[in-house]
Structure formats: C-alpha cells, structure tokens
Amino acid sequence: MTNTYTAVMVTTASGDNRIFAADVTDSGSTYGELTDVITGNSLGDSLQGQTIIRAMGVCENFLLSPGILFIDNQNNVLTSVGVVQPEQIQPEWQNVSIPVRLNYTVKALTSASVA
C-alpha cells in the first residue's frame, strides 16, 4: 500500500486562503474528498458564498493522484486543477472561478480512477 497525501491551496476573491487535504491512500473509492485542514469541513461548509480565484494542487505519488476536482452539490465537475510533486517541480497557481455554495466538495482522483 502506498500513502498518497494530496492537498489543494485556494485563494478567494475576498482574500481568504485555505488548504484542503486528505490521505487518499489506495482507496477503493475513485475519488477521495479533501477537507479543510483547520476546520475539517468540506469545501462548501468552509467557503460558502465566496468565489475561489486561484488554486494549486500538490501530492505525493503523482501517478496515483493526477488531478483535483471541484464538485457541485449535484455531483457535476465545476473545474479541475492538476497536481505536482513539490519535490520534483515547483507548484504554480492556476486561475479558476468557482462560486462556492453549500454542499460543494473538492476531491482527488485516486489510483482506482486511473488503473
């Protein structure tokens, strides 16, 4: 079993910065949900009513977690951001526009989804 720690850093239009992370270790699930590292809440619970304008994804074991998805309350993908291993390449901010509502989530693709 390989540990795959994945995180996404976000900045909102109002200047809030948050990190959402998870250990999505070889789960049987296709997607592992990332939660706020401060509150433990989901994306919607943490940033409801705000708009995310930048996001940056990082992870260990890059091949096991190729991307991060922002999902709405009806399970539609709003946008995605790529991830990099910071030990190999410097992560860069990606411009996005995500108006966050209640029950929105952020998820990482896991090995089950790319196998």
PDB file of N, CA and C in Angstrom:
ATOM      1  N   MET A   1       0.842  -1.172   0.000  1.00  0.00           N
ATOM      2  CA  MET A   1       0.000   0.000   0.000  1.00  0.00           C
ATOM      3  C   MET A   1       0.891   1.240   0.000  1.00  0.00           C
ATOM      4  N   THR A   2       0.491   2.235  -0.789  1.00  0.00           N
ATOM      5  CA  THR A   2       1.261   3.456  -0.911  1.00  0.00           C
ATOM      6  C   THR A   2       0.455   4.628  -0.373  1.00  0.00           C
ATOM      7  N   ASN A   3       1.040   5.399   0.530  1.00  0.00           N
ATOM      8  CA  ASN A   3       0.359   6.590   1.029  1.00  0.00           C
ATOM      9  C   ASN A   3       0.387   7.669  -0.037  1.00  0.00           C
ATOM     10  N   THR A   4      -0.747   8.304  -0.256  1.00  0.00           N
ATOM     11  CA  THR A   4      -0.856   9.387  -1.217  1.00  0.00           C
ATOM     12  C   THR A   4      -1.505  10.569  -0.522  1.00  0.00           C
ATOM     13  N   TYR A   5      -0.691  11.494  -0.053  1.00  0.00           N
ATOM     14  CA  TYR A   5      -1.203  12.690   0.598  1.00  0.00           C
ATOM     15  C   TYR A   5      -1.386  13.751  -0.470  1.00  0.00           C
ATOM     16  N   THR A   6      -2.593  14.288  -0.559  1.00  0.00           N
ATOM     17  CA  THR A   6      -2.943  15.251  -1.592  1.00  0.00           C
ATOM     18  C   THR A   6      -3.507  16.501  -0.939  1.00  0.00           C
ATOM     19  N   ALA A   7      -3.168  17.658  -1.498  1.00  0.00           N
ATOM     20  CA  ALA A   7      -3.682  18.921  -0.959  1.00  0.00           C
ATOM     21  C   ALA A   7      -3.908  19.910  -2.095  1.00  0.00           C
ATOM     22  N   VAL A   8      -4.841  20.815  -1.863  1.00  0.00           N
ATOM     23  CA  VAL A   8      -5.056  21.927  -2.776  1.00  0.00           C
ATOM     24  C   VAL A   8      -5.140  23.197  -1.932  1.00  0.00           C
ATOM     25  N   MET A   9      -4.393  24.204  -2.351  1.00  0.00           N
ATOM     26  CA  MET A   9      -4.440  25.506  -1.708  1.00  0.00           C
ATOM     27  C   MET A   9      -5.321  26.400  -2.566  1.00  0.00           C
ATOM     28  N   VAL A  10      -6.183  27.190  -1.929  1.00  0.00           N
ATOM     29  CA  VAL A  10      -7.072  28.070  -2.679  1.00  0.00           C
ATOM     30  C   VAL A  10      -7.017  29.484  -2.106  1.00  0.00           C
ATOM     31  N   THR A  11      -7.284  30.442  -2.980  1.00  0.00           N
ATOM     32  CA  THR A  11      -7.419  31.842  -2.594  1.00  0.00           C
ATOM     33  C   THR A  11      -8.768  32.321  -3.097  1.00  0.00           C
ATOM     34  N   THR A  12      -9.500  33.038  -2.262  1.00  0.00           N
ATOM     35  CA  THR A  12     -10.807  33.558  -2.669  1.00  0.00           C
ATOM     36  C   THR A  12     -10.689  35.024  -3.079  1.00  0.00           C
ATOM     37  N   ALA A  13     -11.730  35.500  -3.745  1.00  0.00           N
ATOM     38  CA  ALA A  13     -11.760  36.894  -4.185  1.00  0.00           C
ATOM     39  C   ALA A  13     -11.707  37.860  -2.999  1.00  0.00           C
ATOM     40  N   SER A  14     -12.166  37.412  -1.832  1.00  0.00           N
ATOM     41  CA  SER A  14     -12.135  38.273  -0.644  1.00  0.00           C
ATOM     42  C   SER A  14     -10.810  38.178   0.110  1.00  0.00           C
ATOM     43  N   GLY A  15      -9.870  37.374  -0.410  1.00  0.00           N
ATOM     44  CA  GLY A  15      -8.541  37.301   0.188  1.00  0.00           C
ATOM     45  C   GLY A  15      -8.326  36.178   1.176  1.00  0.00           C
ATOM     46  N   ASP A  16      -9.315  35.324   1.374  1.00  0.00           N
ATOM     47  CA  ASP A  16      -9.135  34.174   2.263  1.00  0.00           C
ATOM     48  C   ASP A  16      -8.284  33.116   1.579  1.00  0.00           C
ATOM     49  N   ASN A  17      -7.420  32.476   2.351  1.00  0.00           N
ATOM     50  CA  ASN A  17      -6.595  31.373   1.859  1.00  0.00           C
ATOM     51  C   ASN A  17      -6.910  30.142   2.684  1.00  0.00           C
ATOM     52  N   ARG A  18      -7.104  29.018   2.022  1.00  0.00           N
ATOM     53  CA  ARG A  18      -7.398  27.768   2.718  1.00  0.00           C
ATOM     54  C   ARG A  18      -6.636  26.631   2.061  1.00  0.00           C
ATOM     55  N   ILE A  19      -6.396  25.600   2.857  1.00  0.00           N
ATOM     56  CA  ILE A  19      -5.790  24.373   2.358  1.00  0.00           C
ATOM     57  C   ILE A  19      -6.755  23.233   2.655  1.00  0.00           C
ATOM     58  N   PHE A  20      -7.032  22.445   1.642  1.00  0.00           N
ATOM     59  CA  PHE A  20      -7.864  21.253   1.779  1.00  0.00           C
ATOM     60  C   PHE A  20      -6.966  20.062   1.477  1.00  0.00           C
ATOM     61  N   ALA A  21      -6.998  19.046   2.340  1.00  0.00           N
ATOM     62  CA  ALA A  21      -6.073  17.930   2.190  1.00  0.00           C
ATOM     63  C   ALA A  21      -6.720  16.624   2.607  1.00  0.00           C
ATOM     64  N   ALA A  22      -6.082  15.523   2.169  1.00  0.00           N
ATOM     65  CA  ALA A  22      -6.531  14.188   2.561  1.00  0.00           C
ATOM     66  C   ALA A  22      -5.435  13.186   2.281  1.00  0.00           C
ATOM     67  N   ASP A  23      -5.506  12.079   3.003  1.00  0.00           N
ATOM     68  CA  ASP A  23      -4.683  10.916   2.697  1.00  0.00           C
ATOM     69  C   ASP A  23      -5.590  10.010   1.871  1.00  0.00           C
ATOM     70  N   VAL A  24      -5.372   9.971   0.576  1.00  0.00           N
ATOM     71  CA  VAL A  24      -6.219   9.176  -0.314  1.00  0.00           C
ATOM     72  C   VAL A  24      -5.511   7.873  -0.677  1.00  0.00           C
ATOM     73  N   THR A  25      -4.956   7.225   0.319  1.00  0.00           N
ATOM     74  CA  THR A  25      -4.145   6.026   0.148  1.00  0.00           C
ATOM     75  C   THR A  25      -4.913   4.895  -0.496  1.00  0.00           C
ATOM     76  N   ASP A  26      -4.509   4.522  -1.696  1.00  0.00           N
ATOM     77  CA  ASP A  26      -5.024   3.343  -2.409  1.00  0.00           C
ATOM     78  C   ASP A  26      -6.444   2.963  -2.026  1.00  0.00           C
ATOM     79  N   SER A  27      -7.306   3.941  -1.965  1.00  0.00           N
ATOM     80  CA  SER A  27      -8.675   3.650  -1.551  1.00  0.00           C
ATOM     81  C   SER A  27      -9.426   2.917  -2.646  1.00  0.00           C
ATOM     82  N   GLY A  28     -10.445   2.204  -2.263  1.00  0.00           N
ATOM     83  CA  GLY A  28     -11.284   1.541  -3.238  1.00  0.00           C
ATOM     84  C   GLY A  28     -12.189   2.539  -3.935  1.00  0.00           C
ATOM     85  N   SER A  29     -12.307   3.718  -3.374  1.00  0.00           N
ATOM     86  CA  SER A  29     -13.125   4.767  -3.959  1.00  0.00           C
ATOM     87  C   SER A  29     -12.370   5.408  -5.111  1.00  0.00           C
ATOM     88  N   THR A  30     -13.106   5.865  -6.113  1.00  0.00           N
ATOM     89  CA  THR A  30     -12.490   6.548  -7.246  1.00  0.00           C
ATOM     90  C   THR A  30     -11.977   7.922  -6.843  1.00  0.00           C
ATOM     91  N   TYR A  31     -12.671   8.570  -5.928  1.00  0.00           N
ATOM     92  CA  TYR A  31     -12.313   9.920  -5.510  1.00  0.00           C
ATOM     93  C   TYR A  31     -12.192   9.989  -3.997  1.00  0.00           C
ATOM     94  N   GLY A  32     -11.179  10.689  -3.531  1.00  0.00           N
ATOM     95  CA  GLY A  32     -11.023  10.917  -2.107  1.00  0.00           C
ATOM     96  C   GLY A  32     -11.338  12.372  -1.810  1.00  0.00           C
ATOM     97  N   GLU A  33     -12.236  12.633  -0.851  1.00  0.00           N
ATOM     98  CA  GLU A  33     -12.608  14.012  -0.547  1.00  0.00           C
ATOM     99  C   GLU A  33     -11.546  14.688   0.298  1.00  0.00           C
ATOM    100  N   LEU A  34     -11.203  15.905  -0.076  1.00  0.00           N
ATOM    101  CA  LEU A  34     -10.270  16.724   0.685  1.00  0.00           C
ATOM    102  C   LEU A  34     -11.074  17.609   1.631  1.00  0.00           C
ATOM    103  N   THR A  35     -10.561  17.803   2.837  1.00  0.00           N
ATOM    104  CA  THR A  35     -11.243  18.641   3.819  1.00  0.00           C
ATOM    105  C   THR A  35     -10.318  19.752   4.305  1.00  0.00           C
ATOM    106  N   ASP A  36     -10.925  20.791   4.825  1.00  0.00           N
ATOM    107  CA  ASP A  36     -10.195  21.947   5.344  1.00  0.00           C
ATOM    108  C   ASP A  36      -9.273  21.498   6.471  1.00  0.00           C
ATOM    109  N   VAL A  37      -7.989  21.829   6.379  1.00  0.00           N
ATOM    110  CA  VAL A  37      -7.039  21.357   7.398  1.00  0.00           C
ATOM    111  C   VAL A  37      -7.237  22.044   8.742  1.00  0.00           C
ATOM    112  N   ILE A  38      -7.912  23.169   8.778  1.00  0.00           N
ATOM    113  CA  ILE A  38      -8.151  23.871  10.034  1.00  0.00           C
ATOM    114  C   ILE A  38      -9.438  23.391  10.695  1.00  0.00           C
ATOM    115  N   THR A  39     -10.516  23.335   9.920  1.00  0.00           N
ATOM    116  CA  THR A  39     -11.820  23.028  10.496  1.00  0.00           C
ATOM    117  C   THR A  39     -12.252  21.567  10.303  1.00  0.00           C
ATOM    118  N   GLY A  40     -11.678  20.884   9.319  1.00  0.00           N
ATOM    119  CA  GLY A  40     -12.107  19.534   8.998  1.00  0.00           C
ATOM    120  C   GLY A  40     -13.384  19.494   8.175  1.00  0.00           C
ATOM    121  N   ASN A  41     -13.872  20.655   7.762  1.00  0.00           N
ATOM    122  CA  ASN A  41     -15.115  20.746   6.995  1.00  0.00           C
ATOM    123  C   ASN A  41     -14.872  20.600   5.498  1.00  0.00           C
ATOM    124  N   SER A  42     -15.966  20.385   4.776  1.00  0.00           N
ATOM    125  CA  SER A  42     -15.909  20.299   3.322  1.00  0.00           C
ATOM    126  C   SER A  42     -15.694  21.688   2.716  1.00  0.00           C
ATOM    127  N   LEU A  43     -15.495  21.720   1.413  1.00  0.00           N
ATOM    128  CA  LEU A  43     -15.321  22.981   0.701  1.00  0.00           C
ATOM    129  C   LEU A  43     -16.522  23.904   0.909  1.00  0.00           C
ATOM    130  N   GLY A  44     -17.736  23.385   0.699  1.00  0.00           N
ATOM    131  CA  GLY A  44     -18.945  24.195   0.829  1.00  0.00           C
ATOM    132  C   GLY A  44     -19.169  24.738   2.225  1.00  0.00           C
ATOM    133  N   ASP A  45     -18.886  23.918   3.231  1.00  0.00           N
ATOM    134  CA  ASP A  45     -19.048  24.375   4.610  1.00  0.00           C
ATOM    135  C   ASP A  45     -18.014  25.433   4.984  1.00  0.00           C
ATOM    136  N   SER A  46     -16.826  25.347   4.402  1.00  0.00           N
ATOM    137  CA  SER A  46     -15.748  26.273   4.753  1.00  0.00           C
ATOM    138  C   SER A  46     -15.818  27.602   4.019  1.00  0.00           C
ATOM    139  N   LEU A  47     -16.219  27.569   2.737  1.00  0.00           N
ATOM    140  CA  LEU A  47     -16.131  28.782   1.917  1.00  0.00           C
ATOM    141  C   LEU A  47     -17.451  29.164   1.242  1.00  0.00           C
ATOM    142  N   GLN A  48     -18.567  28.741   1.800  1.00  0.00           N
ATOM    143  CA  GLN A  48     -19.873  29.048   1.218  1.00  0.00           C
ATOM    144  C   GLN A  48     -20.026  30.548   0.993  1.00  0.00           C
ATOM    145  N   GLY A  49     -20.480  30.929  -0.210  1.00  0.00           N
ATOM    146  CA  GLY A  49     -20.712  32.334  -0.534  1.00  0.00           C
ATOM    147  C   GLY A  49     -19.496  33.062  -1.072  1.00  0.00           C
ATOM    148  N   GLN A  50     -18.337  32.419  -1.072  1.00  0.00           N
ATOM    149  CA  GLN A  50     -17.133  33.045  -1.593  1.00  0.00           C
ATOM    150  C   GLN A  50     -16.805  32.478  -2.976  1.00  0.00           C
ATOM    151  N   THR A  51     -15.940  33.170  -3.713  1.00  0.00           N
ATOM    152  CA  THR A  51     -15.520  32.714  -5.031  1.00  0.00           C
ATOM    153  C   THR A  51     -14.026  32.427  -5.007  1.00  0.00           C
ATOM    154  N   ILE A  52     -13.671  31.205  -5.348  1.00  0.00           N
ATOM    155  CA  ILE A  52     -12.251  30.826  -5.441  1.00  0.00           C
ATOM    156  C   ILE A  52     -11.704  31.362  -6.759  1.00  0.00           C
ATOM    157  N   ILE A  53     -10.578  32.070  -6.684  1.00  0.00           N
ATOM    158  CA  ILE A  53      -9.989  32.657  -7.895  1.00  0.00           C
ATOM    159  C   ILE A  53      -8.662  32.009  -8.288  1.00  0.00           C
ATOM    160  N   ARG A  54      -8.018  31.304  -7.347  1.00  0.00           N
ATOM    161  CA  ARG A  54      -6.757  30.614  -7.645  1.00  0.00           C
ATOM    162  C   ARG A  54      -6.707  29.313  -6.868  1.00  0.00           C
ATOM    163  N   ALA A  55      -6.069  28.319  -7.480  1.00  0.00           N
ATOM    164  CA  ALA A  55      -5.900  27.033  -6.808  1.00  0.00           C
ATOM    165  C   ALA A  55      -4.567  26.428  -7.233  1.00  0.00           C
ATOM    166  N   MET A  56      -3.974  25.649  -6.334  1.00  0.00           N
ATOM    167  CA  MET A  56      -2.698  24.995  -6.596  1.00  0.00           C
ATOM    168  C   MET A  56      -2.730  23.626  -5.930  1.00  0.00           C
ATOM    169  N   GLY A  57      -2.492  22.565  -6.707  1.00  0.00           N
ATOM    170  CA  GLY A  57      -2.553  21.210  -6.183  1.00  0.00           C
ATOM    171  C   GLY A  57      -1.188  20.567  -6.051  1.00  0.00           C
ATOM    172  N   VAL A  58      -0.993  19.847  -4.953  1.00  0.00           N
ATOM    173  CA  VAL A  58       0.253  19.107  -4.718  1.00  0.00           C
ATOM    174  C   VAL A  58      -0.086  17.726  -4.164  1.00  0.00           C
ATOM    175  N   CYS A  59       0.810  16.779  -4.397  1.00  0.00           N
ATOM    176  CA  CYS A  59       0.612  15.455  -3.808  1.00  0.00           C
ATOM    177  C   CYS A  59       1.898  14.658  -3.857  1.00  0.00           C
ATOM    178  N   GLU A  60       1.912  13.609  -3.047  1.00  0.00           N
ATOM    179  CA  GLU A  60       2.955  12.597  -3.124  1.00  0.00           C
ATOM    180  C   GLU A  60       2.452  11.531  -4.081  1.00  0.00           C
ATOM    181  N   ASN A  61       3.362  10.753  -4.647  1.00  0.00           N
ATOM    182  CA  ASN A  61       2.982   9.660  -5.547  1.00  0.00           C
ATOM    183  C   ASN A  61       2.093  10.160  -6.676  1.00  0.00           C
ATOM    184  N   PHE A  62       2.630  11.088  -7.461  1.00  0.00           N
ATOM    185  CA  PHE A  62       1.922  11.770  -8.538  1.00  0.00           C
ATOM    186  C   PHE A  62       1.106  10.834  -9.417  1.00  0.00           C
ATOM    187  N   LEU A  63       1.626   9.674  -9.739  1.00  0.00           N
ATOM    188  CA  LEU A  63       0.915   8.775 -10.637  1.00  0.00           C
ATOM    189  C   LEU A  63      -0.393   8.268 -10.049  1.00  0.00           C
ATOM    190  N   LEU A  64      -0.514   8.344  -8.729  1.00  0.00           N
ATOM    191  CA  LEU A  64      -1.726   7.866  -8.087  1.00  0.00           C
ATOM    192  C   LEU A  64      -2.767   8.969  -7.900  1.00  0.00           C
ATOM    193  N   SER A  65      -2.397  10.209  -8.125  1.00  0.00           N
ATOM    194  CA  SER A  65      -3.341  11.304  -7.937  1.00  0.00           C
ATOM    195  C   SER A  65      -3.098  12.387  -8.987  1.00  0.00           C
ATOM    196  N   PRO A  66      -3.593  12.180 -10.209  1.00  0.00           N
ATOM    197  CA  PRO A  66      -3.279  13.103 -11.297  1.00  0.00           C
ATOM    198  C   PRO A  66      -4.042  14.413 -11.294  1.00  0.00           C
ATOM    199  N   GLY A  67      -5.094  14.543 -10.512  1.00  0.00           N
ATOM    200  CA  GLY A  67      -5.850  15.785 -10.551  1.00  0.00           C
ATOM    201  C   GLY A  67      -6.788  15.962  -9.391  1.00  0.00           C
ATOM    202  N   ILE A  68      -7.251  17.204  -9.237  1.00  0.00           N
ATOM    203  CA  ILE A  68      -8.179  17.568  -8.177  1.00  0.00           C
ATOM    204  C   ILE A  68      -9.412  18.161  -8.836  1.00  0.00           C
ATOM    205  N   LEU A  69     -10.581  17.692  -8.401  1.00  0.00           N
ATOM    206  CA  LEU A  69     -11.848  18.119  -8.985  1.00  0.00           C
ATOM    207  C   LEU A  69     -12.659  18.930  -7.983  1.00  0.00           C
ATOM    208  N   PHE A  70     -13.256  20.007  -8.459  1.00  0.00           N
ATOM    209  CA  PHE A  70     -14.188  20.799  -7.658  1.00  0.00           C
ATOM    210  C   PHE A  70     -15.587  20.388  -8.122  1.00  0.00           C
ATOM    211  N   ILE A  71     -16.405  19.892  -7.171  1.00  0.00           N
ATOM    212  CA  ILE A  71     -17.686  19.267  -7.481  1.00  0.00           C
ATOM    213  C   ILE A  71     -18.828  20.062  -6.849  1.00  0.00           C
ATOM    214  N   ASP A  72     -19.917  20.266  -7.621  1.00  0.00           N
ATOM    215  CA  ASP A  72     -21.065  20.971  -7.050  1.00  0.00           C
ATOM    216  C   ASP A  72     -21.983  20.010  -6.304  1.00  0.00           C
ATOM    217  N   ASN A  73     -23.086  20.532  -5.785  1.00  0.00           N
ATOM    218  CA  ASN A  73     -23.995  19.734  -4.954  1.00  0.00           C
ATOM    219  C   ASN A  73     -24.778  18.678  -5.744  1.00  0.00           C
ATOM    220  N   GLN A  74     -24.697  18.711  -7.079  1.00  0.00           N
ATOM    221  CA  GLN A  74     -25.353  17.701  -7.912  1.00  0.00           C
ATOM    222  C   GLN A  74     -24.340  16.749  -8.543  1.00  0.00           C
ATOM    223  N   ASN A  75     -23.123  16.760  -8.003  1.00  0.00           N
ATOM    224  CA  ASN A  75     -22.034  15.888  -8.432  1.00  0.00           C
ATOM    225  C   ASN A  75     -21.513  16.199  -9.837  1.00  0.00           C
ATOM    226  N   ASN A  76     -21.669  17.459 -10.280  1.00  0.00           N
ATOM    227  CA  ASN A  76     -21.104  17.909 -11.546  1.00  0.00           C
ATOM    228  C   ASN A  76     -19.714  18.481 -11.292  1.00  0.00           C
ATOM    229  N   VAL A  77     -18.789  18.237 -12.202  1.00  0.00           N
ATOM    230  CA  VAL A  77     -17.441  18.802 -12.079  1.00  0.00           C
ATOM    231  C   VAL A  77     -17.485  20.255 -12.534  1.00  0.00           C
ATOM    232  N   LEU A  78     -17.102  21.162 -11.637  1.00  0.00           N
ATOM    233  CA  LEU A  78     -17.066  22.589 -11.960  1.00  0.00           C
ATOM    234  C   LEU A  78     -15.777  22.944 -12.686  1.00  0.00           C
ATOM    235  N   THR A  79     -14.678  22.422 -12.188  1.00  0.00           N
ATOM    236  CA  THR A  79     -13.370  22.611 -12.816  1.00  0.00           C
ATOM    237  C   THR A  79     -12.398  21.632 -12.181  1.00  0.00           C
ATOM    238  N   SER A  80     -11.235  21.557 -12.741  1.00  0.00           N
ATOM    239  CA  SER A  80     -10.194  20.698 -12.172  1.00  0.00           C
ATOM    240  C   SER A  80      -8.871  21.440 -12.211  1.00  0.00           C
ATOM    241  N   VAL A  81      -7.971  21.025 -11.337  1.00  0.00           N
ATOM    242  CA  VAL A  81      -6.606  21.557 -11.352  1.00  0.00           C
ATOM    243  C   VAL A  81      -5.651  20.371 -11.300  1.00  0.00           C
ATOM    244  N   GLY A  82      -4.529  20.533 -11.963  1.00  0.00           N
ATOM    245  CA  GLY A  82      -3.515  19.494 -11.935  1.00  0.00           C
ATOM    246  C   GLY A  82      -2.741  19.523 -10.635  1.00  0.00           C
ATOM    247  N   VAL A  83      -2.019  18.454 -10.382  1.00  0.00           N
ATOM    248  CA  VAL A  83      -1.187  18.378  -9.183  1.00  0.00           C
ATOM    249  C   VAL A  83       0.246  18.081  -9.586  1.00  0.00           C
ATOM    250  N   VAL A  84       1.170  18.494  -8.749  1.00  0.00           N
ATOM    251  CA  VAL A  84       2.591  18.209  -8.953  1.00  0.00           C
ATOM    252  C   VAL A  84       3.188  17.705  -7.651  1.00  0.00           C
ATOM    253  N   GLN A  85       4.301  17.036  -7.757  1.00  0.00           N
ATOM    254  CA  GLN A  85       5.063  16.661  -6.572  1.00  0.00           C
ATOM    255  C   GLN A  85       6.042  17.791  -6.302  1.00  0.00           C
ATOM    256  N   PRO A  86       5.900  18.477  -5.159  1.00  0.00           N
ATOM    257  CA  PRO A  86       6.762  19.628  -4.885  1.00  0.00           C
ATOM    258  C   PRO A  86       8.240  19.269  -4.803  1.00  0.00           C
ATOM    259  N   GLU A  87       8.549  17.988  -4.539  1.00  0.00           N
ATOM    260  CA  GLU A  87       9.948  17.573  -4.502  1.00  0.00           C
ATOM    261  C   GLU A  87      10.575  17.581  -5.895  1.00  0.00           C
ATOM    262  N   GLN A  88       9.732  17.517  -6.935  1.00  0.00           N
ATOM    263  CA  GLN A  88      10.231  17.429  -8.298  1.00  0.00           C
ATOM    264  C   GLN A  88      10.034  18.699  -9.111  1.00  0.00           C
ATOM    265  N   ILE A  89       8.969  19.432  -8.821  1.00  0.00           N
ATOM    266  CA  ILE A  89       8.667  20.641  -9.589  1.00  0.00           C
ATOM    267  C   ILE A  89       7.943  21.644  -8.689  1.00  0.00           C
ATOM    268  N   GLN A  90       8.207  22.915  -8.910  1.00  0.00           N
ATOM    269  CA  GLN A  90       7.565  23.972  -8.128  1.00  0.00           C
ATOM    270  C   GLN A  90       6.095  24.096  -8.531  1.00  0.00           C
ATOM    271  N   PRO A  91       5.159  23.957  -7.577  1.00  0.00           N
ATOM    272  CA  PRO A  91       3.742  24.130  -7.926  1.00  0.00           C
ATOM    273  C   PRO A  91       3.459  25.577  -8.340  1.00  0.00           C
ATOM    274  N   GLU A  92       2.473  25.742  -9.216  1.00  0.00           N
ATOM    275  CA  GLU A  92       2.095  27.071  -9.672  1.00  0.00           C
ATOM    276  C   GLU A  92       0.603  27.280  -9.497  1.00  0.00           C
ATOM    277  N   TRP A  93       0.234  28.519  -9.234  1.00  0.00           N
ATOM    278  CA  TRP A  93      -1.172  28.869  -9.101  1.00  0.00           C
ATOM    279  C   TRP A  93      -1.858  28.719 -10.446  1.00  0.00           C
ATOM    280  N   GLN A  94      -3.083  28.213 -10.422  1.00  0.00           N
ATOM    281  CA  GLN A  94      -3.916  28.129 -11.615  1.00  0.00           C
ATOM    282  C   GLN A  94      -5.137  29.011 -11.386  1.00  0.00           C
ATOM    283  N   ASN A  95      -5.429  29.862 -12.357  1.00  0.00           N
ATOM    284  CA  ASN A  95      -6.582  30.753 -12.236  1.00  0.00           C
ATOM    285  C   ASN A  95      -7.866  29.960 -12.461  1.00  0.00           C
ATOM    286  N   VAL A  96      -8.814  30.148 -11.569  1.00  0.00           N
ATOM    287  CA  VAL A  96     -10.118  29.492 -11.653  1.00  0.00           C
ATOM    288  C   VAL A  96     -11.185  30.504 -11.264  1.00  0.00           C
ATOM    289  N   SER A  97     -12.425  30.155 -11.456  1.00  0.00           N
ATOM    290  CA  SER A  97     -13.541  30.976 -10.983  1.00  0.00           C
ATOM    291  C   SER A  97     -14.624  30.018 -10.501  1.00  0.00           C
ATOM    292  N   ILE A  98     -14.644  29.808  -9.178  1.00  0.00           N
ATOM    293  CA  ILE A  98     -15.564  28.840  -8.586  1.00  0.00           C
ATOM    294  C   ILE A  98     -16.385  29.531  -7.498  1.00  0.00           C
ATOM    295  N   PRO A  99     -17.635  29.901  -7.812  1.00  0.00           N
ATOM    296  CA  PRO A  99     -18.508  30.433  -6.761  1.00  0.00           C
ATOM    297  C   PRO A  99     -18.975  29.276  -5.880  1.00  0.00           C
ATOM    298  N   VAL A 100     -18.538  29.263  -4.634  1.00  0.00           N
ATOM    299  CA  VAL A 100     -18.779  28.118  -3.740  1.00  0.00           C
ATOM    300  C   VAL A 100     -20.144  28.220  -3.072  1.00  0.00           C
ATOM    301  N   ARG A 101     -20.858  27.110  -3.106  1.00  0.00           N
ATOM    302  CA  ARG A 101     -22.162  27.003  -2.464  1.00  0.00           C
ATOM    303  C   ARG A 101     -22.120  25.859  -1.449  1.00  0.00           C
ATOM    304  N   LEU A 102     -23.139  25.782  -0.619  1.00  0.00           N
ATOM    305  CA  LEU A 102     -23.242  24.715   0.363  1.00  0.00           C
ATOM    306  C   LEU A 102     -23.243  23.359  -0.346  1.00  0.00           C
ATOM    307  N   ASN A 103     -22.620  22.387   0.266  1.00  0.00           N
ATOM    308  CA  ASN A 103     -22.520  21.011  -0.239  1.00  0.00           C
ATOM    309  C   ASN A 103     -21.584  20.852  -1.429  1.00  0.00           C
ATOM    310  N   TYR A 104     -20.786  21.864  -1.760  1.00  0.00           N
ATOM    311  CA  TYR A 104     -19.740  21.701  -2.768  1.00  0.00           C
ATOM    312  C   TYR A 104     -18.577  20.965  -2.116  1.00  0.00           C
ATOM    313  N   THR A 105     -17.861  20.165  -2.899  1.00  0.00           N
ATOM    314  CA  THR A 105     -16.730  19.409  -2.377  1.00  0.00           C
ATOM    315  C   THR A 105     -15.535  19.556  -3.306  1.00  0.00           C
ATOM    316  N   VAL A 106     -14.386  19.180  -2.790  1.00  0.00           N
ATOM    317  CA  VAL A 106     -13.169  19.098  -3.599  1.00  0.00           C
ATOM    318  C   VAL A 106     -12.633  17.687  -3.400  1.00  0.00           C
ATOM    319  N   LYS A 107     -12.333  17.013  -4.521  1.00  0.00           N
ATOM    320  CA  LYS A 107     -11.930  15.617  -4.463  1.00  0.00           C
ATOM    321  C   LYS A 107     -10.682  15.384  -5.299  1.00  0.00           C
ATOM    322  N   ALA A 108      -9.909  14.381  -4.887  1.00  0.00           N
ATOM    323  CA  ALA A 108      -8.704  13.995  -5.633  1.00  0.00           C
ATOM    324  C   ALA A 108      -8.959  12.671  -6.325  1.00  0.00           C
ATOM    325  N   LEU A 109      -8.532  12.588  -7.573  1.00  0.00           N
ATOM    326  CA  LEU A 109      -8.569  11.312  -8.267  1.00  0.00           C
ATOM    327  C   LEU A 109      -7.579  10.380  -7.574  1.00  0.00           C
ATOM    328  N   THR A 110      -7.958   9.127  -7.377  1.00  0.00           N
ATOM    329  CA  THR A 110      -7.060   8.167  -6.740  1.00  0.00           C
ATOM    330  C   THR A 110      -6.677   7.072  -7.723  1.00  0.00           C
ATOM    331  N   SER A 111      -5.859   6.161  -7.276  1.00  0.00           N
ATOM    332  CA  SER A 111      -5.364   5.103  -8.157  1.00  0.00           C
ATOM    333  C   SER A 111      -6.491   4.290  -8.764  1.00  0.00           C
ATOM    334  N   ALA A 112      -7.605   4.170  -8.058  1.00  0.00           N
ATOM    335  CA  ALA A 112      -8.730   3.385  -8.581  1.00  0.00           C
ATOM    336  C   ALA A 112      -9.291   4.015  -9.859  1.00  0.00           C
ATOM    337  N   SER A 113      -9.116   5.332 -10.005  1.00  0.00           N
ATOM    338  CA  SER A 113      -9.698   6.012 -11.161  1.00  0.00           C
ATOM    339  C   SER A 113      -8.763   6.004 -12.356  1.00  0.00           C
ATOM    340  N   VAL A 114      -7.501   5.700 -12.169  1.00  0.00           N
ATOM    341  CA  VAL A 114      -6.547   5.725 -13.282  1.00  0.00           C
ATOM    342  C   VAL A 114      -5.983   4.354 -13.593  1.00  0.00           C
ATOM    343  N   ALA A 115      -6.411   3.331 -12.870  1.00  0.00           N
ATOM    344  CA  ALA A 115      -5.887   1.991 -13.078  1.00  0.00           C
ATOM    345  C   ALA A 115      -6.437   1.382 -14.344  1.00  0.00           C
TER     346      ALA A 115
END
